[in-house]
Amino acid sequence: MTNLERAVRSGHYAQKQIYSRARLIAWSHQQRLATALALARSFAGKRVLDYGCGDGTFLGLLMGDAAAPASAVGAETHQPAIEDCQLRFAEQQGLRFVQIDELRHADSARTFDAIFCMEVLEHVVEHTPLLDDFERLLAPAGLLIVSVPIETGFPLIVKQVVRRVAGWRGIGHYPGTTGYTGRELATSVLAGSRQHITRPVFVREDGMRFHDHKGFNWKVLRSTLGTRFDLVRTLTSPVSWLGPQLSTQMWFVARRKQ
């Protein structure tokens, strides 16, 4: 096992997701990352940003890929997470981890050929500042790649069952997902293109406000993204041909409006 592989395996999200003891959870997250890597290969030799990089799993896998970018940056808000990534990936050339605030310096403008933002926007209370960042950071011909969970329709029922069973078994990464009343669950299964239930808002110790997964509607986010970017492609995972009616993640590929 290489040092890069060890660094990926030791990530706290990686251990709970792609290396989960629950095969269904592991498979779903492995397929999500496989989708991300497939999309990222078109940026071989270029500049990639993972906005909300978590434990660095995606960038670690990407830098070990045959079509690795020339440089990659992982950005996070939580300083301990950044320091953990910096320590584990210290030997990997071309890869660095920074505070998101550092990307607001003038020299970061129009820097990245691809910005990945995966499993982040469902937690964000106010999207405008992030969309501002994406527009400013993207190179003129750059692409924004976003993935979010599907938390409506039939997939929500499946996820709630899996989360409950995973919680009973003490595995996975779902203890913070607020439960649904029967009426909320029915409304969410039948949700259309508008926000269908009130989403709970939580506050971290540092004062940051955030949502958990409850009530997230990917169709609402699609409309929000469409006001600021041209959506050039949508796809789903873990199985792309199943579509959002039977998948767990939704993907959007977008570029600056022309």
Protein backbone atom coordinates (compact mmCIF):
# COMPACT_ATOMS: atom_id res chain seq x y z
CA MET A 1 0.00 0.00 0.00
CA THR A 2 1.37 3.42 -0.98
CA ASN A 3 1.53 6.42 1.34
CA LEU A 4 -1.23 8.05 -0.68
CA GLU A 5 -3.48 5.01 -0.25
CA ARG A 6 -2.80 5.01 3.50
CA ALA A 7 -3.66 8.69 3.68
CA VAL A 8 -7.00 8.07 1.97
CA ARG A 9 -7.84 5.04 4.09
CA SER A 10 -7.20 6.91 7.34
CA GLY A 11 -9.73 9.65 6.60
CA HIS A 12 -12.64 9.75 9.06
CA TYR A 13 -15.28 10.02 6.32
CA ALA A 14 -13.60 7.36 4.20
CA GLN A 15 -13.73 4.91 7.10
CA LYS A 16 -17.46 5.52 7.59
CA GLN A 17 -18.37 5.67 3.92
CA ILE A 18 -16.32 3.95 1.20
CA TYR A 19 -14.81 1.54 3.73
CA SER A 20 -18.00 1.11 5.76
CA ARG A 21 -18.79 -2.30 7.22
CA ALA A 22 -22.25 -1.96 5.65
CA ARG A 23 -21.86 -3.13 2.06
CA LEU A 24 -24.73 -1.04 0.69
CA ILE A 25 -23.35 2.17 2.23
CA ALA A 26 -19.83 1.40 1.03
CA TRP A 27 -21.03 0.57 -2.50
CA SER A 28 -23.14 3.73 -2.78
CA HIS A 29 -20.28 6.02 -1.72
CA GLN A 30 -17.75 4.14 -3.86
CA GLN A 31 -19.99 4.68 -6.88
CA ARG A 32 -20.40 8.35 -6.02
CA LEU A 33 -16.64 8.81 -5.97
CA ALA A 34 -16.26 6.76 -9.15
CA THR A 35 -18.64 9.21 -10.84
CA ALA A 36 -16.59 12.15 -9.56
CA LEU A 37 -13.33 10.61 -10.76
CA ALA A 38 -14.79 9.89 -14.19
CA LEU A 39 -15.84 13.54 -14.50
CA ALA A 40 -12.47 14.75 -13.21
CA ARG A 41 -10.41 12.85 -15.77
CA SER A 42 -11.20 15.46 -18.42
CA PHE A 43 -9.16 17.90 -16.31
CA ALA A 44 -5.91 15.91 -16.42
CA GLY A 45 -2.97 18.27 -16.19
CA LYS A 46 -5.20 21.20 -15.18
CA ARG A 47 -6.24 22.92 -11.94
CA VAL A 48 -8.95 21.43 -9.71
CA LEU A 49 -10.62 22.71 -6.55
CA ASP A 50 -12.67 20.58 -4.14
CA TYR A 51 -14.84 23.13 -2.31
CA GLY A 52 -15.84 21.50 0.97
CA CYS A 53 -13.28 18.70 0.71
CA GLY A 54 -14.00 17.00 4.04
CA ASP A 55 -11.25 14.51 4.81
CA GLY A 56 -9.68 14.80 1.35
CA THR A 57 -10.85 11.39 0.12
CA PHE A 58 -11.78 12.56 -3.38
CA LEU A 59 -8.58 14.53 -3.98
CA GLY A 60 -6.46 11.72 -2.58
CA LEU A 61 -8.03 9.27 -5.02
CA LEU A 62 -7.79 11.78 -7.85
CA MET A 63 -4.08 12.48 -7.33
CA GLY A 64 -3.44 8.74 -7.51
CA ASP A 65 -5.33 8.43 -10.80
CA ALA A 66 -3.56 8.12 -14.14
CA ALA A 67 -5.34 11.31 -15.28
CA ALA A 68 -4.43 13.40 -12.25
CA PRO A 69 -4.60 17.21 -12.44
CA ALA A 70 -1.44 19.28 -12.41
CA SER A 71 -2.54 20.82 -9.11
CA ALA A 72 -5.43 20.36 -6.72
CA VAL A 73 -6.70 22.35 -3.76
CA GLY A 74 -9.02 21.17 -1.02
CA ALA A 75 -10.91 23.91 0.83
CA GLU A 76 -12.79 23.65 4.11
CA THR A 77 -14.20 25.95 6.80
CA HIS A 78 -13.18 23.78 9.76
CA GLN A 79 -9.53 24.33 10.69
CA PRO A 80 -9.00 20.94 12.41
CA ALA A 81 -10.18 19.20 9.22
CA ILE A 82 -7.68 21.20 7.16
CA GLU A 83 -4.84 20.41 9.53
CA ASP A 84 -5.73 16.71 9.46
CA CYS A 85 -5.65 16.70 5.63
CA GLN A 86 -2.38 18.64 5.56
CA LEU A 87 -0.80 16.08 7.87
CA ARG A 88 -2.07 12.96 6.12
CA PHE A 89 -1.31 14.19 2.57
CA ALA A 90 1.91 16.06 3.40
CA GLU A 91 3.98 13.97 0.97
CA GLN A 92 1.68 14.39 -2.03
CA GLN A 93 3.06 16.91 -4.51
CA GLY A 94 0.60 19.21 -6.23
CA LEU A 95 -2.01 18.87 -3.48
CA ARG A 96 -2.71 21.42 -0.77
CA PHE A 97 -5.48 22.22 1.69
CA VAL A 98 -6.63 25.69 2.70
CA GLN A 99 -9.29 27.60 4.59
CA ILE A 100 -12.12 28.67 2.30
CA ASP A 101 -11.45 32.27 3.33
CA GLU A 102 -8.01 32.01 1.70
CA LEU A 103 -9.70 31.56 -1.67
CA ARG A 104 -11.13 35.05 -1.41
CA HIS A 105 -7.74 36.64 -2.11
CA ALA A 106 -7.53 38.41 -5.46
CA ASP A 107 -4.91 36.00 -6.81
CA SER A 108 -7.43 33.12 -6.65
CA ALA A 109 -9.84 34.74 -9.11
CA ARG A 110 -10.49 32.72 -12.29
CA THR A 111 -7.91 30.16 -11.21
CA PHE A 112 -9.61 26.76 -11.47
CA ASP A 113 -10.51 24.75 -14.55
CA ALA A 114 -12.87 22.63 -12.46
CA ILE A 115 -14.60 23.21 -9.12
CA PHE A 116 -16.09 20.17 -7.43
CA CYS A 117 -18.59 20.75 -4.63
CA MET A 118 -19.91 17.40 -3.44
CA GLU A 119 -22.41 16.68 -0.66
CA VAL A 120 -22.10 20.26 0.60
CA LEU A 121 -24.88 22.47 -0.78
CA GLU A 122 -27.63 20.47 0.94
CA HIS A 123 -26.19 21.69 4.26
CA VAL A 124 -25.90 25.37 3.29
CA VAL A 125 -28.50 27.80 4.65
CA GLU A 126 -27.63 30.69 2.32
CA HIS A 127 -26.34 29.71 -1.12
CA THR A 128 -25.56 33.14 -2.54
CA PRO A 129 -22.06 33.54 -0.99
CA LEU A 130 -20.99 30.13 -2.31
CA LEU A 131 -22.32 30.79 -5.79
CA ASP A 132 -20.46 34.10 -5.73
CA ASP A 133 -17.29 32.18 -4.86
CA PHE A 134 -17.82 29.68 -7.67
CA GLU A 135 -18.30 32.41 -10.27
CA ARG A 136 -15.20 34.26 -9.10
CA LEU A 137 -12.94 31.19 -8.85
CA LEU A 138 -13.85 29.47 -12.13
CA ALA A 139 -11.54 29.99 -15.10
CA PRO A 140 -13.36 31.46 -18.14
CA ALA A 141 -13.91 28.01 -19.69
CA GLY A 142 -14.09 26.21 -16.35
CA LEU A 143 -16.81 23.83 -15.16
CA LEU A 144 -18.62 23.56 -11.84
CA ILE A 145 -19.49 19.99 -10.79
CA VAL A 146 -21.99 19.67 -7.95
CA SER A 147 -23.36 16.56 -6.30
CA VAL A 148 -26.14 16.49 -3.72
CA PRO A 149 -28.20 13.71 -2.14
CA ILE A 150 -31.67 12.89 -3.42
CA GLU A 151 -33.90 13.29 -0.38
CA THR A 152 -37.30 13.15 -2.06
CA GLY A 153 -39.40 10.49 -3.73
CA PHE A 154 -38.82 6.75 -3.37
CA PRO A 155 -35.05 7.17 -2.66
CA LEU A 156 -35.94 8.94 0.61
CA ILE A 157 -37.83 5.89 1.86
CA VAL A 158 -34.87 3.65 1.08
CA LYS A 159 -32.44 6.05 2.73
CA GLN A 160 -34.51 6.38 5.89
CA VAL A 161 -34.60 2.60 6.26
CA VAL A 162 -30.85 2.29 5.65
CA ARG A 163 -30.10 5.13 8.09
CA ARG A 164 -32.25 3.58 10.78
CA VAL A 165 -30.63 0.16 10.39
CA ALA A 166 -27.15 1.71 10.25
CA GLY A 167 -27.90 3.64 13.44
CA TRP A 168 -28.99 0.48 15.20
CA ARG A 169 -25.75 -1.18 14.12
CA GLY A 170 -23.61 1.85 15.04
CA ILE A 171 -22.17 2.25 11.56
CA GLY A 172 -22.27 4.79 8.77
CA HIS A 173 -22.41 8.55 9.18
CA TYR A 174 -26.08 9.34 9.74
CA PRO A 175 -26.67 10.08 13.44
CA GLY A 176 -27.35 13.78 12.77
CA THR A 177 -30.24 13.31 10.34
CA THR A 178 -33.44 14.65 11.90
CA GLY A 179 -36.41 12.30 11.81
CA TYR A 180 -39.60 12.89 9.85
CA THR A 181 -43.18 12.83 11.04
CA GLY A 182 -45.47 10.65 8.96
CA ARG A 183 -46.95 13.71 7.27
CA GLU A 184 -43.51 15.20 6.53
CA LEU A 185 -42.34 11.92 5.04
CA ALA A 186 -45.39 11.65 2.79
CA THR A 187 -44.98 15.27 1.67
CA SER A 188 -41.30 14.65 0.91
CA VAL A 189 -41.97 11.49 -1.09
CA LEU A 190 -44.47 13.44 -3.22
CA ALA A 191 -42.40 16.65 -3.40
CA GLY A 192 -42.41 18.71 -6.57
CA SER A 193 -40.14 21.57 -7.62
CA ARG A 194 -40.82 23.85 -4.65
CA GLN A 195 -39.57 23.61 -1.09
CA HIS A 196 -42.02 21.17 0.46
CA ILE A 197 -41.33 21.25 4.23
CA THR A 198 -39.55 23.60 6.61
CA ARG A 199 -35.93 22.58 7.03
CA PRO A 200 -34.42 22.59 10.54
CA VAL A 201 -31.45 24.91 11.08
CA PHE A 202 -28.63 24.04 13.48
CA VAL A 203 -25.73 26.12 14.82
CA ARG A 204 -22.16 24.87 15.21
CA GLU A 205 -19.96 25.86 18.12
CA ASP A 206 -18.29 28.48 15.92
CA GLY A 207 -21.65 30.06 15.11
CA MET A 208 -22.04 28.66 11.59
CA ARG A 209 -25.64 27.79 10.70
CA PHE A 210 -26.35 24.61 8.73
CA HIS A 211 -29.01 22.13 7.65
CA ASP A 212 -28.92 18.38 7.96
CA HIS A 213 -30.44 16.30 5.15
CA LYS A 214 -34.05 16.65 6.24
CA GLY A 215 -36.22 18.41 3.68
CA PHE A 216 -33.54 18.91 1.04
CA ASN A 217 -35.01 19.15 -2.47
CA TRP A 218 -32.56 18.80 -5.36
CA LYS A 219 -35.05 20.38 -7.76
CA VAL A 220 -35.00 23.61 -5.77
CA LEU A 221 -31.21 23.65 -5.93
CA ARG A 222 -31.32 22.99 -9.69
CA SER A 223 -33.45 26.11 -10.11
CA THR A 224 -31.08 28.14 -7.92
CA LEU A 225 -28.03 27.02 -9.88
CA GLY A 226 -29.81 27.78 -13.13
CA THR A 227 -30.18 31.45 -12.19
CA ARG A 228 -26.40 31.85 -12.01
CA PHE A 229 -24.94 29.17 -14.32
CA ASP A 230 -25.73 27.35 -17.53
CA LEU A 231 -26.48 23.72 -16.69
CA VAL A 232 -24.82 21.64 -19.39
CA ARG A 233 -25.34 18.15 -17.99
CA THR A 234 -27.16 16.27 -15.24
CA LEU A 235 -26.57 12.70 -14.13
CA THR A 236 -27.18 10.45 -11.16
CA SER A 237 -25.35 7.89 -9.06
CA PRO A 238 -24.81 5.16 -7.98
CA VAL A 239 -26.34 3.89 -11.26
CA SER A 240 -26.53 6.60 -13.90
CA TRP A 241 -29.28 5.09 -16.06
CA LEU A 242 -31.77 4.74 -13.20
CA GLY A 243 -32.40 8.49 -13.03
CA PRO A 244 -33.41 10.50 -9.95
CA GLN A 245 -36.47 8.35 -9.27
CA LEU A 246 -34.28 5.44 -8.13
CA SER A 247 -30.85 6.98 -7.41
CA THR A 248 -29.26 8.41 -4.29
CA GLN A 249 -27.20 11.34 -5.65
CA MET A 250 -27.90 14.03 -8.23
CA TRP A 251 -25.09 15.63 -10.24
CA PHE A 252 -25.02 18.97 -12.04
CA VAL A 253 -22.32 20.09 -14.45
CA ALA A 254 -22.45 23.84 -15.12
CA ARG A 255 -20.49 26.69 -16.63
CA ARG A 256 -20.59 30.47 -16.41
CA LYS A 257 -23.52 32.06 -18.18
CA GLN A 258 -22.47 33.30 -21.60
